[in-house]
Amino acid sequence: MTEEREPLFRGITRLENELLVRDFVQVFGSGDARALEPFLHRDVRFSGMDGATASGRRAVVAVCEQIFTVFPVFTVDVVRIASVDASVLVEEELGVMLRHGAVTRRLPGFASFEIDDFQIVSWHQVHG
C-alpha cells in the first residue's frame, strides 16, 4: 500500500516545491532582500552567470541587496515553471533599469533551485 501512494506524495512534494519557488521569485521581484531570508536554508549556495557565488543565507541576501542597489527598478515574472523531485526550474522575464537610464529593459532569465525541507539550498541564476 505504501509503494502505491509514494508517487502521489512525490507529486504533492513537487507541487509544494513549485509553490515555494513561485513565492520566492515574487518576493525577489519586490526588491526586499531581507524578506528572502525565510526561503533560504542557512547554508544555501548561490551562483550567477557572471561567476558570482555566495554561500550562506547572509551572503546570498547581500548579493540580492547589491542587485537591488544597481537596479533601482527590478522585477521578475515567472514565464514557465517545472519541477523534478527536489529541483525546480524557472523561465523568467526580468525588468531592470540602470540608475542613469529612463527605460526599463525586459530581459529573459532562467533560474534553477534545489529544495530541501521547504527551503532553498541551491540557486543558480542566469539572465539575458
Protein backbone atom coordinates (compact mmCIF):
# COMPACT_ATOMS: atom_id res chain seq x y z
CA MET A 1 0.00 0.00 0.00
CA THR A 2 2.81 2.44 0.86
CA GLU A 3 4.50 1.85 -2.52
CA GLU A 4 1.25 2.69 -4.33
CA ARG A 5 0.98 6.05 -2.53
CA GLU A 6 4.63 7.05 -3.00
CA PRO A 7 4.11 8.60 -6.49
CA LEU A 8 1.21 10.63 -5.10
CA PHE A 9 3.35 12.01 -2.29
CA ARG A 10 6.18 12.82 -4.72
CA GLY A 11 3.68 14.76 -6.84
CA ILE A 12 2.48 16.71 -3.81
CA THR A 13 6.06 17.47 -2.79
CA ARG A 14 6.90 18.71 -6.32
CA LEU A 15 3.85 20.98 -6.26
CA GLU A 16 4.84 22.34 -2.84
CA ASN A 17 8.38 22.99 -4.12
CA GLU A 18 7.00 24.87 -7.15
CA LEU A 19 4.76 26.99 -4.92
CA LEU A 20 7.69 27.77 -2.63
CA VAL A 21 9.79 28.92 -5.58
CA ARG A 22 6.91 30.96 -7.06
CA ASP A 23 6.59 32.78 -3.74
CA PHE A 24 10.36 33.27 -3.56
CA VAL A 25 10.52 34.72 -7.08
CA GLN A 26 7.64 37.07 -6.29
CA VAL A 27 9.41 38.34 -3.16
CA PHE A 28 12.73 38.57 -5.06
CA GLY A 29 11.00 40.73 -7.67
CA SER A 30 9.67 43.03 -4.95
CA GLY A 31 13.18 44.23 -4.10
CA ASP A 32 13.06 43.31 -0.41
CA ALA A 33 16.21 41.27 0.19
CA ARG A 34 15.52 40.69 3.90
CA ALA A 35 12.14 39.15 3.07
CA LEU A 36 14.00 36.38 1.21
CA GLU A 37 15.62 35.04 4.37
CA PRO A 38 12.84 32.59 5.41
CA PHE A 39 13.04 30.89 1.99
CA LEU A 40 16.78 30.30 2.18
CA HIS A 41 18.49 27.49 4.03
CA ARG A 42 21.23 28.76 6.35
CA ASP A 43 23.84 27.01 4.12
CA VAL A 44 22.29 27.99 0.77
CA ARG A 45 24.61 28.24 -2.25
CA PHE A 46 24.12 30.86 -4.98
CA SER A 47 25.79 31.14 -8.36
CA GLY A 48 25.19 33.68 -11.10
CA MET A 49 26.09 33.67 -14.75
CA ASP A 50 28.77 36.29 -14.18
CA GLY A 51 30.68 33.86 -11.98
CA ALA A 52 29.44 35.41 -8.75
CA THR A 53 28.99 32.90 -5.96
CA ALA A 54 27.82 33.14 -2.39
CA SER A 55 27.43 30.60 0.39
CA GLY A 56 25.19 31.02 3.39
CA ARG A 57 21.95 32.89 3.92
CA ARG A 58 23.56 36.22 4.86
CA ALA A 59 25.90 36.18 1.86
CA VAL A 60 23.08 35.39 -0.57
CA VAL A 61 20.90 38.14 0.88
CA ALA A 62 23.87 40.52 0.47
CA VAL A 63 24.12 39.57 -3.23
CA CYS A 64 20.41 40.38 -3.62
CA GLU A 65 20.89 43.73 -1.87
CA GLN A 66 23.67 44.53 -4.37
CA ILE A 67 21.35 43.69 -7.26
CA PHE A 68 18.66 45.99 -5.89
CA THR A 69 21.24 48.78 -5.44
CA VAL A 70 22.49 48.51 -9.03
CA PHE A 71 18.97 48.30 -10.47
CA PRO A 72 16.55 50.74 -8.85
CA VAL A 73 13.81 49.08 -10.88
CA PHE A 74 13.98 45.30 -10.68
CA THR A 75 11.06 42.98 -11.33
CA VAL A 76 10.78 39.26 -12.00
CA ASP A 77 7.86 37.49 -13.65
CA VAL A 78 7.55 33.72 -13.96
CA VAL A 79 7.00 32.63 -17.56
CA ARG A 80 7.20 28.87 -17.00
CA ILE A 81 7.99 26.65 -14.06
CA ALA A 82 8.70 22.94 -13.85
CA SER A 83 9.98 20.55 -11.23
CA VAL A 84 11.52 17.13 -10.96
CA ASP A 85 11.85 15.78 -7.46
CA ALA A 86 13.72 18.46 -5.44
CA SER A 87 14.72 20.54 -8.49
CA VAL A 88 12.63 23.48 -9.69
CA LEU A 89 13.37 25.22 -12.99
CA VAL A 90 12.02 28.69 -13.77
CA GLU A 91 11.94 30.61 -17.03
CA GLU A 92 11.69 34.28 -16.07
CA GLU A 93 11.28 37.72 -17.54
CA LEU A 94 13.34 40.32 -15.68
CA GLY A 95 12.57 44.03 -15.75
CA VAL A 96 15.62 46.18 -14.98
CA MET A 97 16.58 49.83 -15.17
CA LEU A 98 20.04 51.23 -14.56
CA ARG A 99 20.34 54.37 -12.45
CA HIS A 100 21.20 56.52 -15.42
CA GLY A 101 18.55 55.01 -17.70
CA ALA A 102 14.97 56.05 -18.00
CA VAL A 103 13.85 52.90 -19.80
CA THR A 104 13.08 49.62 -18.11
CA ARG A 105 14.50 46.79 -20.15
CA ARG A 106 12.90 43.35 -20.27
CA LEU A 107 15.43 40.51 -20.24
CA PRO A 108 14.95 36.76 -20.41
CA GLY A 109 16.14 34.84 -17.39
CA PHE A 110 16.40 31.33 -16.10
CA ALA A 111 16.87 30.02 -12.58
CA SER A 112 17.26 26.59 -11.09
CA PHE A 113 16.65 25.77 -7.47
CA GLU A 114 17.21 22.78 -5.23
CA ILE A 115 14.79 22.44 -2.34
CA ASP A 116 15.27 20.55 0.90
CA ASP A 117 12.76 20.54 3.74
CA PHE A 118 10.86 23.53 2.28
CA GLN A 119 13.94 25.76 1.95
CA ILE A 120 16.16 26.66 -0.97
CA VAL A 121 19.56 25.00 -0.62
CA SER A 122 20.90 25.91 -4.06
CA TRP A 123 20.07 28.72 -6.50
CA HIS A 124 21.64 29.25 -9.93
CA GLN A 125 20.55 32.44 -11.73
CA VAL A 126 21.10 33.22 -15.42
CA HIS A 127 19.83 36.35 -17.14
CA GLY A 128 19.89 37.69 -20.66
